[in-house]
Amino acid sequence: MAAGLCHDDHGFTNALDEAFEAMGPQGEHLRAEWRAARPRLPIDHATRSQPLLFAVDYALARMVEGWGVRPSALLGHSLGELVAAVLAGVFGLADAARVVVNRSHEVAQAPPGRMLATAASPADIAPLLVGGAVIGAVNAPRQTVVAGTVRAVEATRGMLAGAGITHRAVPSLTAFHSPVLRRTRAHAARAFASIPASPPRIPLYSCYTAARLSAGEARDPAYWADHVTAPVRFWDALCALLSTSPYLLVEAGPGQALSRLARLHPDVRAGRSAVVPLLPARSGPPSRDREAARRARRLLEAEGIGGPTCDRPLSAGVGR
């Protein structure tokens, strides 16, 4: 989770401090847990994973801006879309951070749930869903995520095994993007209704409508509240973005999961668009984070993007 960049890159460190401060007392607890050798709660617990993911995504994006890079489009996966909304000027950082913290506590109180990643299309998966399990995300043509209650997902797992479909558990204690979070959605709607929202100043592509976010959607509390129960349509959103122009996609988030997905796109495979992750694919010593970020900066500068005299904008940023 980018811990190796803390105190190494001033832009990252300052933005991370800004995000933690915006979260109030919870931010200090989160910082301590993030750096602790033995955290009190597992990282997959919603009160840890969600706010920390928000803070790290935000800090990575600001770090890249500090390199002289300006995004011409933004695309976020799940919680990453809320970070993209802050970067695009839809929400203020403080307002969005408070919503994330409060929502994470609501999520933690939801009924236990599970998620499964499958190597199959939505059409393959749909007949095998049982017990109220749903499709929670379509990340690529044959990368579909199932979500639901523990019982529903376990029953669906048996159906998948019987059909010979490869699958694995997603490290989450919550069934995001499913009806399990109905109550959380209601709380989120009230929270978003209480904070100001503006049209995006940077084109922002929605992983829920798979189209460019409109001014009306940006101001609609129901649109943002639906994120916890609606399926993520990352692949469709990526296709919508890449249909407009060639892009250089920068993954501003932990790991390289989105980079791997983006490299499956025909435009990337043909060399019309390219992908640059900011962090290593797997966790490791702090030096690995620093090496990955420096490599990304060198790649951007080699493309003529970034640097103190650069006036060329970055084609797109992808966060998770």
C-alpha atoms as a PDB file:
ATOM      1  CA  MET A   1       0.000   0.000   0.000  1.00  0.00           C
ATOM      2  CA  ALA A   2       2.793   2.442  -0.992  1.00  0.00           C
ATOM      3  CA  ALA A   3       4.322   2.681   2.490  1.00  0.00           C
ATOM      4  CA  GLY A   4       7.768   2.814   0.907  1.00  0.00           C
ATOM      5  CA  LEU A   5       6.981   6.207  -0.648  1.00  0.00           C
ATOM      6  CA  CYS A   6       6.248   7.876   2.671  1.00  0.00           C
ATOM      7  CA  HIS A   7       8.966  10.483   3.394  1.00  0.00           C
ATOM      8  CA  ASP A   8      10.630   9.643   0.061  1.00  0.00           C
ATOM      9  CA  ASP A   9       8.410  11.649  -2.306  1.00  0.00           C
ATOM     10  CA  HIS A  10       7.309  14.984  -0.862  1.00  0.00           C
ATOM     11  CA  GLY A  11       4.242  15.202  -3.075  1.00  0.00           C
ATOM     12  CA  PHE A  12       3.040  11.779  -1.948  1.00  0.00           C
ATOM     13  CA  THR A  13       3.812  12.411   1.716  1.00  0.00           C
ATOM     14  CA  ASN A  14       2.122  15.819   1.830  1.00  0.00           C
ATOM     15  CA  ALA A  15      -0.996  14.562   0.049  1.00  0.00           C
ATOM     16  CA  LEU A  16      -1.204  11.541   2.333  1.00  0.00           C
ATOM     17  CA  ASP A  17      -0.955  13.821   5.376  1.00  0.00           C
ATOM     18  CA  GLU A  18      -3.693  15.961   3.860  1.00  0.00           C
ATOM     19  CA  ALA A  19      -5.980  12.950   3.363  1.00  0.00           C
ATOM     20  CA  PHE A  20      -5.392  11.559   6.858  1.00  0.00           C
ATOM     21  CA  GLU A  21      -5.976  14.984   8.393  1.00  0.00           C
ATOM     22  CA  ALA A  22      -9.244  15.302   6.464  1.00  0.00           C
ATOM     23  CA  MET A  23     -10.430  12.082   8.114  1.00  0.00           C
ATOM     24  CA  GLY A  24     -10.151  13.584  11.586  1.00  0.00           C
ATOM     25  CA  PRO A  25      -9.222  11.370  14.561  1.00  0.00           C
ATOM     26  CA  GLN A  26      -9.837   8.283  12.435  1.00  0.00           C
ATOM     27  CA  GLY A  27      -7.004   9.390  10.140  1.00  0.00           C
ATOM     28  CA  GLU A  28      -4.398   9.184  12.910  1.00  0.00           C
ATOM     29  CA  HIS A  29      -5.572   5.706  13.887  1.00  0.00           C
ATOM     30  CA  LEU A  30      -5.459   4.674  10.245  1.00  0.00           C
ATOM     31  CA  ARG A  31      -1.908   5.995   9.820  1.00  0.00           C
ATOM     32  CA  ALA A  32      -0.751   4.067  12.896  1.00  0.00           C
ATOM     33  CA  GLU A  33      -2.403   0.852  11.705  1.00  0.00           C
ATOM     34  CA  TRP A  34      -0.931   1.287   8.227  1.00  0.00           C
ATOM     35  CA  ARG A  35       2.628   1.502   9.573  1.00  0.00           C
ATOM     36  CA  ALA A  36       2.221  -1.032  12.415  1.00  0.00           C
ATOM     37  CA  ALA A  37       4.077  -4.355  12.274  1.00  0.00           C
ATOM     38  CA  ARG A  38       1.013  -6.018  13.812  1.00  0.00           C
ATOM     39  CA  PRO A  39      -2.159  -4.018  13.069  1.00  0.00           C
ATOM     40  CA  ARG A  40      -5.050  -4.324  15.491  1.00  0.00           C
ATOM     41  CA  LEU A  41      -7.480  -5.081  12.659  1.00  0.00           C
ATOM     42  CA  PRO A  42      -6.792  -6.975   9.418  1.00  0.00           C
ATOM     43  CA  ILE A  43      -6.241  -4.797   6.361  1.00  0.00           C
ATOM     44  CA  ASP A  44      -9.290  -6.411   4.715  1.00  0.00           C
ATOM     45  CA  HIS A  45     -11.569  -4.982   7.407  1.00  0.00           C
ATOM     46  CA  ALA A  46     -13.709  -2.278   5.795  1.00  0.00           C
ATOM     47  CA  THR A  47     -12.753   0.388   8.357  1.00  0.00           C
ATOM     48  CA  ARG A  48      -9.135  -0.085   7.303  1.00  0.00           C
ATOM     49  CA  SER A  49      -9.186  -1.045   3.634  1.00  0.00           C
ATOM     50  CA  GLN A  50     -11.611   1.606   2.394  1.00  0.00           C
ATOM     51  CA  PRO A  51     -10.192   4.787   4.003  1.00  0.00           C
ATOM     52  CA  LEU A  52      -6.611   3.649   3.408  1.00  0.00           C
ATOM     53  CA  LEU A  53      -7.297   2.893  -0.237  1.00  0.00           C
ATOM     54  CA  PHE A  54      -8.854   6.361  -0.602  1.00  0.00           C
ATOM     55  CA  ALA A  55      -5.853   8.063   1.022  1.00  0.00           C
ATOM     56  CA  VAL A  56      -3.222   6.136  -0.953  1.00  0.00           C
ATOM     57  CA  ASP A  57      -4.999   6.608  -4.301  1.00  0.00           C
ATOM     58  CA  TYR A  58      -5.314  10.329  -3.634  1.00  0.00           C
ATOM     59  CA  ALA A  59      -1.655  10.657  -2.593  1.00  0.00           C
ATOM     60  CA  LEU A  60      -0.414   8.733  -5.644  1.00  0.00           C
ATOM     61  CA  ALA A  61      -2.421  10.955  -7.982  1.00  0.00           C
ATOM     62  CA  ARG A  62      -1.091  14.124  -6.348  1.00  0.00           C
ATOM     63  CA  MET A  63       2.434  12.702  -6.512  1.00  0.00           C
ATOM     64  CA  VAL A  64       2.128  12.342 -10.292  1.00  0.00           C
ATOM     65  CA  GLU A  65       0.759  15.875 -10.559  1.00  0.00           C
ATOM     66  CA  GLY A  66       3.856  16.989  -8.663  1.00  0.00           C
ATOM     67  CA  TRP A  67       5.931  15.504 -11.479  1.00  0.00           C
ATOM     68  CA  GLY A  68       4.376  18.033 -13.846  1.00  0.00           C
ATOM     69  CA  VAL A  69       1.729  15.644 -15.184  1.00  0.00           C
ATOM     70  CA  ARG A  70      -1.851  16.811 -15.724  1.00  0.00           C
ATOM     71  CA  PRO A  71      -4.551  14.237 -16.477  1.00  0.00           C
ATOM     72  CA  SER A  72      -6.839  14.827 -19.434  1.00  0.00           C
ATOM     73  CA  ALA A  73      -9.246  12.088 -18.265  1.00  0.00           C
ATOM     74  CA  LEU A  74      -9.908  10.094 -15.110  1.00  0.00           C
ATOM     75  CA  LEU A  75     -11.269   6.585 -14.629  1.00  0.00           C
ATOM     76  CA  GLY A  76     -11.664   5.012 -11.200  1.00  0.00           C
ATOM     77  CA  HIS A  77     -12.497   1.446 -10.173  1.00  0.00           C
ATOM     78  CA  SER A  78     -15.068   1.243  -7.356  1.00  0.00           C
ATOM     79  CA  LEU A  79     -13.824   3.515  -4.525  1.00  0.00           C
ATOM     80  CA  GLY A  80     -11.265   4.910  -6.976  1.00  0.00           C
ATOM     81  CA  GLU A  81     -14.085   6.749  -8.722  1.00  0.00           C
ATOM     82  CA  LEU A  82     -14.670   8.815  -5.593  1.00  0.00           C
ATOM     83  CA  VAL A  83     -10.975   9.708  -5.547  1.00  0.00           C
ATOM     84  CA  ALA A  84     -11.256  10.633  -9.228  1.00  0.00           C
ATOM     85  CA  ALA A  85     -14.223  12.837  -8.331  1.00  0.00           C
ATOM     86  CA  VAL A  86     -12.074  14.738  -5.820  1.00  0.00           C
ATOM     87  CA  LEU A  87      -9.319  15.182  -8.402  1.00  0.00           C
ATOM     88  CA  ALA A  88     -11.895  16.404 -10.931  1.00  0.00           C
ATOM     89  CA  GLY A  89     -13.328  18.955  -8.477  1.00  0.00           C
ATOM     90  CA  VAL A  90     -16.709  17.270  -7.961  1.00  0.00           C
ATOM     91  CA  PHE A  91     -16.155  17.006  -4.195  1.00  0.00           C
ATOM     92  CA  GLY A  92     -13.812  18.660  -1.750  1.00  0.00           C
ATOM     93  CA  LEU A  93     -11.250  16.358  -0.148  1.00  0.00           C
ATOM     94  CA  ALA A  94     -12.545  16.935   3.384  1.00  0.00           C
ATOM     95  CA  ASP A  95     -16.153  16.157   2.441  1.00  0.00           C
ATOM     96  CA  ALA A  96     -15.256  13.022   0.485  1.00  0.00           C
ATOM     97  CA  ALA A  97     -12.898  11.773   3.208  1.00  0.00           C
ATOM     98  CA  ARG A  98     -15.602  12.092   5.862  1.00  0.00           C
ATOM     99  CA  VAL A  99     -18.066  10.193   3.672  1.00  0.00           C
ATOM    100  CA  VAL A 100     -15.529   7.395   3.142  1.00  0.00           C
ATOM    101  CA  VAL A 101     -14.799   7.050   6.869  1.00  0.00           C
ATOM    102  CA  ASN A 102     -18.475   7.071   7.848  1.00  0.00           C
ATOM    103  CA  ARG A 103     -19.407   4.692   5.046  1.00  0.00           C
ATOM    104  CA  SER A 104     -16.656   2.277   6.022  1.00  0.00           C
ATOM    105  CA  HIS A 105     -18.152   1.975   9.505  1.00  0.00           C
ATOM    106  CA  GLU A 106     -21.583   1.359   8.013  1.00  0.00           C
ATOM    107  CA  VAL A 107     -20.118  -1.317   5.738  1.00  0.00           C
ATOM    108  CA  ALA A 108     -18.450  -2.995   8.733  1.00  0.00           C
ATOM    109  CA  GLN A 109     -21.865  -3.358  10.373  1.00  0.00           C
ATOM    110  CA  ALA A 110     -23.466  -4.961   7.313  1.00  0.00           C
ATOM    111  CA  PRO A 111     -24.181  -8.700   7.226  1.00  0.00           C
ATOM    112  CA  PRO A 112     -21.073 -10.784   6.456  1.00  0.00           C
ATOM    113  CA  GLY A 113     -20.485 -11.314   2.763  1.00  0.00           C
ATOM    114  CA  ARG A 114     -18.054 -12.777   0.289  1.00  0.00           C
ATOM    115  CA  MET A 115     -16.776 -12.121  -3.219  1.00  0.00           C
ATOM    116  CA  LEU A 116     -15.375 -14.499  -5.848  1.00  0.00           C
ATOM    117  CA  ALA A 117     -13.302 -13.670  -8.911  1.00  0.00           C
ATOM    118  CA  THR A 118     -14.107 -15.966 -11.840  1.00  0.00           C
ATOM    119  CA  ALA A 119     -12.472 -16.687 -15.185  1.00  0.00           C
ATOM    120  CA  ALA A 120     -15.736 -16.487 -17.106  1.00  0.00           C
ATOM    121  CA  SER A 121     -18.091 -14.035 -18.797  1.00  0.00           C
ATOM    122  CA  PRO A 122     -21.251 -12.648 -17.164  1.00  0.00           C
ATOM    123  CA  ALA A 123     -23.307 -14.819 -19.532  1.00  0.00           C
ATOM    124  CA  ASP A 124     -21.451 -17.911 -18.300  1.00  0.00           C
ATOM    125  CA  ILE A 125     -21.904 -16.952 -14.661  1.00  0.00           C
ATOM    126  CA  ALA A 126     -25.542 -15.785 -14.629  1.00  0.00           C
ATOM    127  CA  PRO A 127     -27.173 -19.268 -14.760  1.00  0.00           C
ATOM    128  CA  LEU A 128     -24.963 -20.444 -11.897  1.00  0.00           C
ATOM    129  CA  LEU A 129     -25.849 -17.725  -9.404  1.00  0.00           C
ATOM    130  CA  VAL A 130     -27.878 -19.101  -6.497  1.00  0.00           C
ATOM    131  CA  GLY A 131     -29.151 -17.878  -3.144  1.00  0.00           C
ATOM    132  CA  GLY A 132     -29.253 -14.229  -4.143  1.00  0.00           C
ATOM    133  CA  ALA A 133     -25.634 -13.978  -5.301  1.00  0.00           C
ATOM    134  CA  VAL A 134     -25.117 -11.328  -8.008  1.00  0.00           C
ATOM    135  CA  ILE A 135     -22.512 -10.140 -10.479  1.00  0.00           C
ATOM    136  CA  GLY A 136     -20.584  -7.466  -8.601  1.00  0.00           C
ATOM    137  CA  ALA A 137     -18.084  -6.467 -11.274  1.00  0.00           C
ATOM    138  CA  VAL A 138     -17.142  -7.092 -14.885  1.00  0.00           C
ATOM    139  CA  ASN A 139     -13.444  -6.258 -15.067  1.00  0.00           C
ATOM    140  CA  ALA A 140     -12.664  -7.849 -18.457  1.00  0.00           C
ATOM    141  CA  PRO A 141     -14.515 -10.049 -20.964  1.00  0.00           C
ATOM    142  CA  ARG A 142     -13.724 -13.196 -18.950  1.00  0.00           C
ATOM    143  CA  GLN A 143     -13.074 -11.695 -15.525  1.00  0.00           C
ATOM    144  CA  THR A 144     -16.329 -11.463 -13.597  1.00  0.00           C
ATOM    145  CA  VAL A 145     -16.743 -10.991  -9.847  1.00  0.00           C
ATOM    146  CA  VAL A 146     -19.578 -12.602  -7.868  1.00  0.00           C
ATOM    147  CA  ALA A 147     -20.822 -11.066  -4.606  1.00  0.00           C
ATOM    148  CA  GLY A 148     -23.411 -11.932  -1.973  1.00  0.00           C
ATOM    149  CA  THR A 149     -23.996 -13.340   1.473  1.00  0.00           C
ATOM    150  CA  VAL A 150     -21.613 -16.014   2.730  1.00  0.00           C
ATOM    151  CA  ARG A 151     -24.225 -18.733   2.139  1.00  0.00           C
ATOM    152  CA  ALA A 152     -25.091 -17.498  -1.353  1.00  0.00           C
ATOM    153  CA  VAL A 153     -21.476 -17.234  -2.471  1.00  0.00           C
ATOM    154  CA  GLU A 154     -20.564 -20.635  -1.050  1.00  0.00           C
ATOM    155  CA  ALA A 155     -23.518 -22.200  -2.877  1.00  0.00           C
ATOM    156  CA  THR A 156     -22.500 -20.435  -6.084  1.00  0.00           C
ATOM    157  CA  ARG A 157     -18.924 -21.610  -5.581  1.00  0.00           C
ATOM    158  CA  GLY A 158     -20.203 -25.175  -5.714  1.00  0.00           C
ATOM    159  CA  MET A 159     -22.042 -24.438  -8.972  1.00  0.00           C
ATOM    160  CA  LEU A 160     -18.899 -22.900 -10.469  1.00  0.00           C
ATOM    161  CA  ALA A 161     -16.807 -25.898  -9.460  1.00  0.00           C
ATOM    162  CA  GLY A 162     -19.356 -28.238 -10.981  1.00  0.00           C
ATOM    163  CA  ALA A 163     -19.232 -26.290 -14.237  1.00  0.00           C
ATOM    164  CA  GLY A 164     -15.435 -26.384 -14.287  1.00  0.00           C
ATOM    165  CA  ILE A 165     -15.088 -22.592 -14.020  1.00  0.00           C
ATOM    166  CA  THR A 166     -11.879 -21.359 -12.417  1.00  0.00           C
ATOM    167  CA  HIS A 167     -12.522 -19.088  -9.441  1.00  0.00           C
ATOM    168  CA  ARG A 168     -10.840 -17.732  -6.323  1.00  0.00           C
ATOM    169  CA  ALA A 169     -11.869 -15.799  -3.256  1.00  0.00           C
ATOM    170  CA  VAL A 170     -11.454 -12.026  -3.275  1.00  0.00           C
ATOM    171  CA  PRO A 171      -9.790 -10.829  -0.027  1.00  0.00           C
ATOM    172  CA  SER A 172     -12.828  -9.000   1.320  1.00  0.00           C
ATOM    173  CA  LEU A 173     -14.988  -9.508   4.383  1.00  0.00           C
ATOM    174  CA  THR A 174     -17.835  -7.621   2.714  1.00  0.00           C
ATOM    175  CA  ALA A 175     -20.003  -8.270  -0.339  1.00  0.00           C
ATOM    176  CA  PHE A 176     -19.400  -4.954  -2.088  1.00  0.00           C
ATOM    177  CA  HIS A 177     -21.561  -4.138  -5.114  1.00  0.00           C
ATOM    178  CA  SER A 178     -24.422  -6.346  -3.978  1.00  0.00           C
ATOM    179  CA  PRO A 179     -27.799  -6.023  -2.200  1.00  0.00           C
ATOM    180  CA  VAL A 180     -26.069  -7.053   1.043  1.00  0.00           C
ATOM    181  CA  LEU A 181     -25.188  -3.352   1.424  1.00  0.00           C
ATOM    182  CA  ARG A 182     -28.726  -1.965   0.981  1.00  0.00           C
ATOM    183  CA  ARG A 183     -28.686  -0.257   4.375  1.00  0.00           C
ATOM    184  CA  THR A 184     -25.260   1.212   3.704  1.00  0.00           C
ATOM    185  CA  ARG A 185     -26.598   2.630   0.445  1.00  0.00           C
ATOM    186  CA  ALA A 186     -29.382   4.459   2.316  1.00  0.00           C
ATOM    187  CA  HIS A 187     -26.876   6.023   4.737  1.00  0.00           C
ATOM    188  CA  ALA A 188     -24.607   6.972   1.834  1.00  0.00           C
ATOM    189  CA  ALA A 189     -27.460   8.719   0.035  1.00  0.00           C
ATOM    190  CA  ARG A 190     -28.038  10.969   3.043  1.00  0.00           C
ATOM    191  CA  ALA A 191     -24.317  11.627   3.411  1.00  0.00           C
ATOM    192  CA  PHE A 192     -23.854  12.661  -0.226  1.00  0.00           C
ATOM    193  CA  ALA A 193     -26.979  14.836  -0.065  1.00  0.00           C
ATOM    194  CA  SER A 194     -25.348  16.806   2.755  1.00  0.00           C
ATOM    195  CA  ILE A 195     -22.188  17.834   0.873  1.00  0.00           C
ATOM    196  CA  PRO A 196     -21.751  20.176  -2.112  1.00  0.00           C
ATOM    197  CA  ALA A 197     -21.012  18.724  -5.541  1.00  0.00           C
ATOM    198  CA  SER A 198     -19.938  20.371  -8.804  1.00  0.00           C
ATOM    199  CA  PRO A 199     -19.627  19.246 -12.435  1.00  0.00           C
ATOM    200  CA  PRO A 200     -16.261  17.599 -13.121  1.00  0.00           C
ATOM    201  CA  ARG A 201     -13.563  19.958 -14.391  1.00  0.00           C
ATOM    202  CA  ILE A 202     -11.696  16.996 -15.919  1.00  0.00           C
ATOM    203  CA  PRO A 203     -13.534  14.360 -17.993  1.00  0.00           C
ATOM    204  CA  LEU A 204     -14.401  11.532 -15.625  1.00  0.00           C
ATOM    205  CA  TYR A 205     -15.530   8.144 -16.942  1.00  0.00           C
ATOM    206  CA  SER A 206     -18.001   6.247 -14.785  1.00  0.00           C
ATOM    207  CA  CYS A 207     -17.502   2.584 -13.948  1.00  0.00           C
ATOM    208  CA  TYR A 208     -21.230   2.363 -13.267  1.00  0.00           C
ATOM    209  CA  THR A 209     -22.720   3.876 -16.427  1.00  0.00           C
ATOM    210  CA  ALA A 210     -19.682   3.035 -18.603  1.00  0.00           C
ATOM    211  CA  ALA A 211     -19.833   6.546 -20.056  1.00  0.00           C
ATOM    212  CA  ARG A 212     -18.488  10.005 -19.334  1.00  0.00           C
ATOM    213  CA  LEU A 213     -19.975  11.339 -16.104  1.00  0.00           C
ATOM    214  CA  SER A 214     -22.514  14.073 -16.754  1.00  0.00           C
ATOM    215  CA  ALA A 215     -22.978  17.231 -14.688  1.00  0.00           C
ATOM    216  CA  GLY A 216     -26.355  15.952 -13.520  1.00  0.00           C
ATOM    217  CA  GLU A 217     -24.926  12.630 -12.369  1.00  0.00           C
ATOM    218  CA  ALA A 218     -22.068  14.363 -10.573  1.00  0.00           C
ATOM    219  CA  ARG A 219     -24.584  16.387  -8.525  1.00  0.00           C
ATOM    220  CA  ASP A 220     -26.958  13.451  -7.858  1.00  0.00           C
ATOM    221  CA  PRO A 221     -26.532  11.908  -4.366  1.00  0.00           C
ATOM    222  CA  ALA A 222     -28.315   8.755  -5.567  1.00  0.00           C
ATOM    223  CA  TYR A 223     -25.684   8.174  -8.236  1.00  0.00           C
ATOM    224  CA  TRP A 224     -22.858   8.140  -5.663  1.00  0.00           C
ATOM    225  CA  ALA A 225     -24.853   6.159  -3.100  1.00  0.00           C
ATOM    226  CA  ASP A 226     -25.514   3.432  -5.676  1.00  0.00           C
ATOM    227  CA  HIS A 227     -21.793   2.653  -5.855  1.00  0.00           C
ATOM    228  CA  VAL A 228     -21.935   0.245  -2.912  1.00  0.00           C
ATOM    229  CA  THR A 229     -24.713  -1.902  -4.419  1.00  0.00           C
ATOM    230  CA  ALA A 230     -24.341  -1.443  -8.212  1.00  0.00           C
ATOM    231  CA  PRO A 231     -21.979  -3.613 -10.292  1.00  0.00           C
ATOM    232  CA  VAL A 232     -18.657  -2.157 -11.419  1.00  0.00           C
ATOM    233  CA  ARG A 233     -18.382  -2.082 -15.222  1.00  0.00           C
ATOM    234  CA  PHE A 234     -14.676  -1.392 -15.478  1.00  0.00           C
ATOM    235  CA  TRP A 235     -14.158  -3.030 -18.873  1.00  0.00           C
ATOM    236  CA  ASP A 236     -17.051  -1.177 -20.504  1.00  0.00           C
ATOM    237  CA  ALA A 237     -15.846   2.114 -19.021  1.00  0.00           C
ATOM    238  CA  LEU A 238     -12.302   1.467 -20.238  1.00  0.00           C
ATOM    239  CA  CYS A 239     -13.645   0.712 -23.726  1.00  0.00           C
ATOM    240  CA  ALA A 240     -15.644   3.956 -23.680  1.00  0.00           C
ATOM    241  CA  LEU A 241     -12.534   5.928 -22.731  1.00  0.00           C
ATOM    242  CA  LEU A 242     -10.228   4.308 -25.280  1.00  0.00           C
ATOM    243  CA  SER A 243     -12.787   4.729 -28.056  1.00  0.00           C
ATOM    244  CA  THR A 244     -12.213   8.502 -27.924  1.00  0.00           C
ATOM    245  CA  SER A 245      -8.440   8.650 -28.434  1.00  0.00           C
ATOM    246  CA  PRO A 246      -5.131   6.859 -27.792  1.00  0.00           C
ATOM    247  CA  TYR A 247      -4.170   7.226 -24.129  1.00  0.00           C
ATOM    248  CA  LEU A 248      -1.333   6.645 -21.727  1.00  0.00           C
ATOM    249  CA  LEU A 249      -2.987   5.020 -18.716  1.00  0.00           C
ATOM    250  CA  VAL A 250      -1.353   5.526 -15.321  1.00  0.00           C
ATOM    251  CA  GLU A 251      -2.522   3.237 -12.526  1.00  0.00           C
ATOM    252  CA  ALA A 252      -2.630   5.372  -9.383  1.00  0.00           C
ATOM    253  CA  GLY A 253      -3.359   2.647  -6.877  1.00  0.00           C
ATOM    254  CA  PRO A 254      -1.841  -0.290  -5.011  1.00  0.00           C
ATOM    255  CA  GLY A 255      -0.569  -3.226  -7.046  1.00  0.00           C
ATOM    256  CA  GLN A 256      -1.005  -3.648 -10.774  1.00  0.00           C
ATOM    257  CA  ALA A 257      -4.406  -5.333 -11.055  1.00  0.00           C
ATOM    258  CA  LEU A 258      -5.874  -2.595 -13.255  1.00  0.00           C
ATOM    259  CA  SER A 259      -2.748  -2.433 -15.389  1.00  0.00           C
ATOM    260  CA  ARG A 260      -3.091  -6.158 -16.097  1.00  0.00           C
ATOM    261  CA  LEU A 261      -6.716  -5.654 -17.094  1.00  0.00           C
ATOM    262  CA  ALA A 262      -5.951  -2.646 -19.298  1.00  0.00           C
ATOM    263  CA  ARG A 263      -3.233  -4.579 -21.127  1.00  0.00           C
ATOM    264  CA  LEU A 264      -5.922  -7.006 -22.325  1.00  0.00           C
ATOM    265  CA  HIS A 265      -7.617  -4.227 -24.312  1.00  0.00           C
ATOM    266  CA  PRO A 266      -7.108  -4.444 -28.101  1.00  0.00           C
ATOM    267  CA  ASP A 267      -5.904  -0.828 -28.283  1.00  0.00           C
ATOM    268  CA  VAL A 268      -3.194  -1.495 -25.705  1.00  0.00           C
ATOM    269  CA  ARG A 269      -2.213  -4.809 -27.264  1.00  0.00           C
ATOM    270  CA  ALA A 270      -1.879  -3.091 -30.649  1.00  0.00           C
ATOM    271  CA  GLY A 271       0.283  -0.340 -29.178  1.00  0.00           C
ATOM    272  CA  ARG A 272      -2.191   2.495 -29.764  1.00  0.00           C
ATOM    273  CA  SER A 273      -2.439   3.058 -25.999  1.00  0.00           C
ATOM    274  CA  ALA A 274      -0.033   2.160 -23.187  1.00  0.00           C
ATOM    275  CA  VAL A 275      -0.081   1.453 -19.452  1.00  0.00           C
ATOM    276  CA  VAL A 276       2.214   2.642 -16.641  1.00  0.00           C
ATOM    277  CA  PRO A 277       1.699   1.335 -13.075  1.00  0.00           C
ATOM    278  CA  LEU A 278       3.103   3.418 -10.225  1.00  0.00           C
ATOM    279  CA  LEU A 279       3.663   0.612  -7.732  1.00  0.00           C
ATOM    280  CA  PRO A 280       5.013  -2.958  -7.839  1.00  0.00           C
ATOM    281  CA  ALA A 281       2.693  -5.878  -8.505  1.00  0.00           C
ATOM    282  CA  ARG A 282       3.317  -7.373  -5.055  1.00  0.00           C
ATOM    283  CA  SER A 283       4.171  -6.028  -1.646  1.00  0.00           C
ATOM    284  CA  GLY A 284       7.752  -6.132  -0.521  1.00  0.00           C
ATOM    285  CA  PRO A 285      10.452  -4.006   1.116  1.00  0.00           C
ATOM    286  CA  PRO A 286      10.081  -0.197   1.000  1.00  0.00           C
ATOM    287  CA  SER A 287      12.727   0.013  -1.697  1.00  0.00           C
ATOM    288  CA  ARG A 288      10.447  -1.851  -4.104  1.00  0.00           C
ATOM    289  CA  ASP A 289       7.824   0.924  -3.909  1.00  0.00           C
ATOM    290  CA  ARG A 290      10.450   3.565  -4.539  1.00  0.00           C
ATOM    291  CA  GLU A 291      11.970   1.714  -7.472  1.00  0.00           C
ATOM    292  CA  ALA A 292       8.572   1.239  -9.114  1.00  0.00           C
ATOM    293  CA  ALA A 293       7.638   4.910  -8.737  1.00  0.00           C
ATOM    294  CA  ARG A 294      10.981   6.081 -10.148  1.00  0.00           C
ATOM    295  CA  ARG A 295      10.652   3.718 -13.078  1.00  0.00           C
ATOM    296  CA  ALA A 296       7.168   5.095 -13.776  1.00  0.00           C
ATOM    297  CA  ARG A 297       8.493   8.652 -13.687  1.00  0.00           C
ATOM    298  CA  ARG A 298      11.284   7.777 -16.115  1.00  0.00           C
ATOM    299  CA  LEU A 299       8.752   6.191 -18.491  1.00  0.00           C
ATOM    300  CA  LEU A 300       6.550   9.275 -18.379  1.00  0.00           C
ATOM    301  CA  GLU A 301       9.481  11.601 -19.008  1.00  0.00           C
ATOM    302  CA  ALA A 302      10.642   9.396 -21.889  1.00  0.00           C
ATOM    303  CA  GLU A 303       7.215   9.966 -23.439  1.00  0.00           C
ATOM    304  CA  GLY A 304       7.648  13.726 -23.034  1.00  0.00           C
ATOM    305  CA  ILE A 305       5.155  13.822 -20.154  1.00  0.00           C
ATOM    306  CA  GLY A 306       6.051  15.510 -16.896  1.00  0.00           C
ATOM    307  CA  GLY A 307       9.055  17.538 -15.832  1.00  0.00           C
ATOM    308  CA  PRO A 308       9.316  21.229 -14.941  1.00  0.00           C
ATOM    309  CA  THR A 309       9.015  22.488 -18.524  1.00  0.00           C
ATOM    310  CA  CYS A 310       6.424  20.044 -19.828  1.00  0.00           C
ATOM    311  CA  ASP A 311       3.125  21.438 -21.110  1.00  0.00           C
ATOM    312  CA  ARG A 312       1.802  18.178 -22.523  1.00  0.00           C
ATOM    313  CA  PRO A 313      -1.061  16.664 -20.495  1.00  0.00           C
ATOM    314  CA  LEU A 314      -1.217  13.065 -19.359  1.00  0.00           C
ATOM    315  CA  SER A 315      -3.729  11.175 -21.449  1.00  0.00           C
ATOM    316  CA  ALA A 316      -5.530   9.387 -18.634  1.00  0.00           C
ATOM    317  CA  GLY A 317      -5.249   8.326 -15.032  1.00  0.00           C
ATOM    318  CA  VAL A 318      -6.676   5.061 -13.760  1.00  0.00           C
ATOM    319  CA  GLY A 319      -7.172   4.575 -10.024  1.00  0.00           C
ATOM    320  CA  ARG A 320      -8.648   1.758  -7.973  1.00  0.00           C
END
